[in-house]
Amino acid sequence: MTSITEMEVTPDLKYAKAHVSVYDADETALKTAVDALNHAAGFIAHEVGARMTIRRVPSIKFVGDDSIAYSVHISEVIRSLHKDDKPEKEPEE
């Protein structure tokens, strides 16, 4: 699963930086996805320009972002801390 987590655009709209997050067990998946997106950046910018009515389409650079994988890791750590907890018995009436 690949997501654009953040976009930063310069005030003059010449350049944009897209932060890409890939949720995959393989660590090279992020680098591969970023490389592929940077390779297709011209095509993506052309498609954005065709769909939006703006004077200038920014030059897009894609960079890796590990925020989704990091949040999943933190969730797993928290879940593992509570795995050994025994549920409390309800008092009998």
C-alpha atoms as a PDB file:
ATOM      1  CA  MET A   1       0.000   0.000   0.000  1.00  0.00           C
ATOM      2  CA  THR A   2       1.447   3.347  -1.051  1.00  0.00           C
ATOM      3  CA  SER A   3       0.236   6.696   0.278  1.00  0.00           C
ATOM      4  CA  ILE A   4       1.122  10.333  -0.188  1.00  0.00           C
ATOM      5  CA  THR A   5       1.295  11.542   3.397  1.00  0.00           C
ATOM      6  CA  GLU A   6       2.265  15.188   2.875  1.00  0.00           C
ATOM      7  CA  MET A   7       2.866  17.733   0.115  1.00  0.00           C
ATOM      8  CA  GLU A   8       5.079  20.773   0.475  1.00  0.00           C
ATOM      9  CA  VAL A   9       4.840  23.450  -2.216  1.00  0.00           C
ATOM     10  CA  THR A  10       7.041  26.522  -2.523  1.00  0.00           C
ATOM     11  CA  PRO A  11       5.213  29.886  -2.443  1.00  0.00           C
ATOM     12  CA  ASP A  12       5.974  30.531  -6.131  1.00  0.00           C
ATOM     13  CA  LEU A  13       4.526  27.078  -7.071  1.00  0.00           C
ATOM     14  CA  LYS A  14       7.712  26.058  -8.914  1.00  0.00           C
ATOM     15  CA  TYR A  15       8.573  23.053  -6.777  1.00  0.00           C
ATOM     16  CA  ALA A  16       6.654  20.491  -4.750  1.00  0.00           C
ATOM     17  CA  LYS A  17       7.892  17.763  -2.457  1.00  0.00           C
ATOM     18  CA  ALA A  18       5.642  14.751  -1.981  1.00  0.00           C
ATOM     19  CA  HIS A  19       6.243  12.507   1.013  1.00  0.00           C
ATOM     20  CA  VAL A  20       5.525   8.882   0.109  1.00  0.00           C
ATOM     21  CA  SER A  21       4.868   6.152   2.633  1.00  0.00           C
ATOM     22  CA  VAL A  22       4.806   2.465   1.720  1.00  0.00           C
ATOM     23  CA  TYR A  23       3.427  -0.139   4.083  1.00  0.00           C
ATOM     24  CA  ASP A  24       5.328  -3.313   3.244  1.00  0.00           C
ATOM     25  CA  ALA A  25       7.429  -5.800   5.183  1.00  0.00           C
ATOM     26  CA  ASP A  26      10.247  -5.369   2.656  1.00  0.00           C
ATOM     27  CA  GLU A  27      12.322  -2.256   3.414  1.00  0.00           C
ATOM     28  CA  THR A  28      13.406  -1.877  -0.206  1.00  0.00           C
ATOM     29  CA  ALA A  29       9.779  -1.359  -1.268  1.00  0.00           C
ATOM     30  CA  LEU A  30       9.904   2.289  -0.171  1.00  0.00           C
ATOM     31  CA  LYS A  31      13.054   3.002  -2.180  1.00  0.00           C
ATOM     32  CA  THR A  32      11.653   1.209  -5.220  1.00  0.00           C
ATOM     33  CA  ALA A  33       8.365   3.121  -5.025  1.00  0.00           C
ATOM     34  CA  VAL A  34      10.110   6.490  -4.609  1.00  0.00           C
ATOM     35  CA  ASP A  35      12.443   5.761  -7.528  1.00  0.00           C
ATOM     36  CA  ALA A  36       9.502   4.748  -9.743  1.00  0.00           C
ATOM     37  CA  LEU A  37       7.505   7.847  -8.796  1.00  0.00           C
ATOM     38  CA  ASN A  38      10.486  10.144  -9.428  1.00  0.00           C
ATOM     39  CA  HIS A  39      10.963   8.467 -12.807  1.00  0.00           C
ATOM     40  CA  ALA A  40       7.313   9.197 -13.649  1.00  0.00           C
ATOM     41  CA  ALA A  41       7.296  12.710 -12.111  1.00  0.00           C
ATOM     42  CA  GLY A  42       7.044  14.436 -15.506  1.00  0.00           C
ATOM     43  CA  PHE A  43       4.058  12.350 -16.519  1.00  0.00           C
ATOM     44  CA  ILE A  44       2.394  12.901 -13.131  1.00  0.00           C
ATOM     45  CA  ALA A  45       2.950  16.677 -13.390  1.00  0.00           C
ATOM     46  CA  HIS A  46       1.450  16.635 -16.902  1.00  0.00           C
ATOM     47  CA  GLU A  47      -1.628  14.778 -15.645  1.00  0.00           C
ATOM     48  CA  VAL A  48      -2.017  17.195 -12.714  1.00  0.00           C
ATOM     49  CA  GLY A  49      -1.821  20.119 -15.156  1.00  0.00           C
ATOM     50  CA  ALA A  50      -4.486  18.555 -17.372  1.00  0.00           C
ATOM     51  CA  ARG A  51      -6.883  18.133 -14.446  1.00  0.00           C
ATOM     52  CA  MET A  52      -6.330  21.433 -12.643  1.00  0.00           C
ATOM     53  CA  THR A  53      -6.686  24.983 -13.856  1.00  0.00           C
ATOM     54  CA  ILE A  54      -3.514  26.508 -12.462  1.00  0.00           C
ATOM     55  CA  ARG A  55      -1.011  28.778 -14.145  1.00  0.00           C
ATOM     56  CA  ARG A  56       2.045  26.730 -13.258  1.00  0.00           C
ATOM     57  CA  VAL A  57       2.375  23.050 -12.426  1.00  0.00           C
ATOM     58  CA  PRO A  58       5.153  22.529  -9.890  1.00  0.00           C
ATOM     59  CA  SER A  59       8.091  20.251 -10.514  1.00  0.00           C
ATOM     60  CA  ILE A  60       7.410  17.299  -8.224  1.00  0.00           C
ATOM     61  CA  LYS A  61      10.055  15.457  -6.210  1.00  0.00           C
ATOM     62  CA  PHE A  62       9.061  12.354  -4.277  1.00  0.00           C
ATOM     63  CA  VAL A  63      10.790  11.508  -0.988  1.00  0.00           C
ATOM     64  CA  GLY A  64      10.381   8.545   1.342  1.00  0.00           C
ATOM     65  CA  ASP A  65       8.369   8.790   4.543  1.00  0.00           C
ATOM     66  CA  ASP A  66       8.256   5.933   7.040  1.00  0.00           C
ATOM     67  CA  SER A  67       5.475   7.347   9.231  1.00  0.00           C
ATOM     68  CA  ILE A  68       2.900   4.631   8.458  1.00  0.00           C
ATOM     69  CA  ALA A  69       5.358   1.795   9.062  1.00  0.00           C
ATOM     70  CA  TYR A  70       6.549   3.512  12.242  1.00  0.00           C
ATOM     71  CA  SER A  71       2.996   3.905  13.581  1.00  0.00           C
ATOM     72  CA  VAL A  72       2.261   0.232  12.839  1.00  0.00           C
ATOM     73  CA  HIS A  73       5.449  -0.728  14.697  1.00  0.00           C
ATOM     74  CA  ILE A  74       4.437   1.363  17.725  1.00  0.00           C
ATOM     75  CA  SER A  75       0.973  -0.239  17.699  1.00  0.00           C
ATOM     76  CA  GLU A  76       2.546  -3.700  17.693  1.00  0.00           C
ATOM     77  CA  VAL A  77       4.823  -2.777  20.599  1.00  0.00           C
ATOM     78  CA  ILE A  78       1.875  -1.488  22.630  1.00  0.00           C
ATOM     79  CA  ARG A  79      -0.181  -4.576  21.767  1.00  0.00           C
ATOM     80  CA  SER A  80       2.695  -6.844  22.853  1.00  0.00           C
ATOM     81  CA  LEU A  81       2.871  -5.068  26.211  1.00  0.00           C
ATOM     82  CA  HIS A  82      -0.784  -5.877  26.878  1.00  0.00           C
ATOM     83  CA  LYS A  83      -0.646  -9.421  25.530  1.00  0.00           C
ATOM     84  CA  ASP A  84       0.363 -10.866  28.885  1.00  0.00           C
ATOM     85  CA  ASP A  85      -2.318  -8.973  30.805  1.00  0.00           C
ATOM     86  CA  LYS A  86      -4.999 -11.229  32.189  1.00  0.00           C
ATOM     87  CA  PRO A  87      -8.549  -9.973  31.974  1.00  0.00           C
ATOM     88  CA  GLU A  88     -10.004  -9.060  35.316  1.00  0.00           C
ATOM     89  CA  LYS A  89     -12.612 -11.424  36.643  1.00  0.00           C
ATOM     90  CA  GLU A  90     -16.007  -9.942  37.107  1.00  0.00           C
ATOM     91  CA  PRO A  91     -17.223 -10.108  40.696  1.00  0.00           C
ATOM     92  CA  GLU A  92     -19.882 -12.698  41.328  1.00  0.00           C
ATOM     93  CA  GLU A  93     -23.129 -11.526  42.800  1.00  0.00           C
END
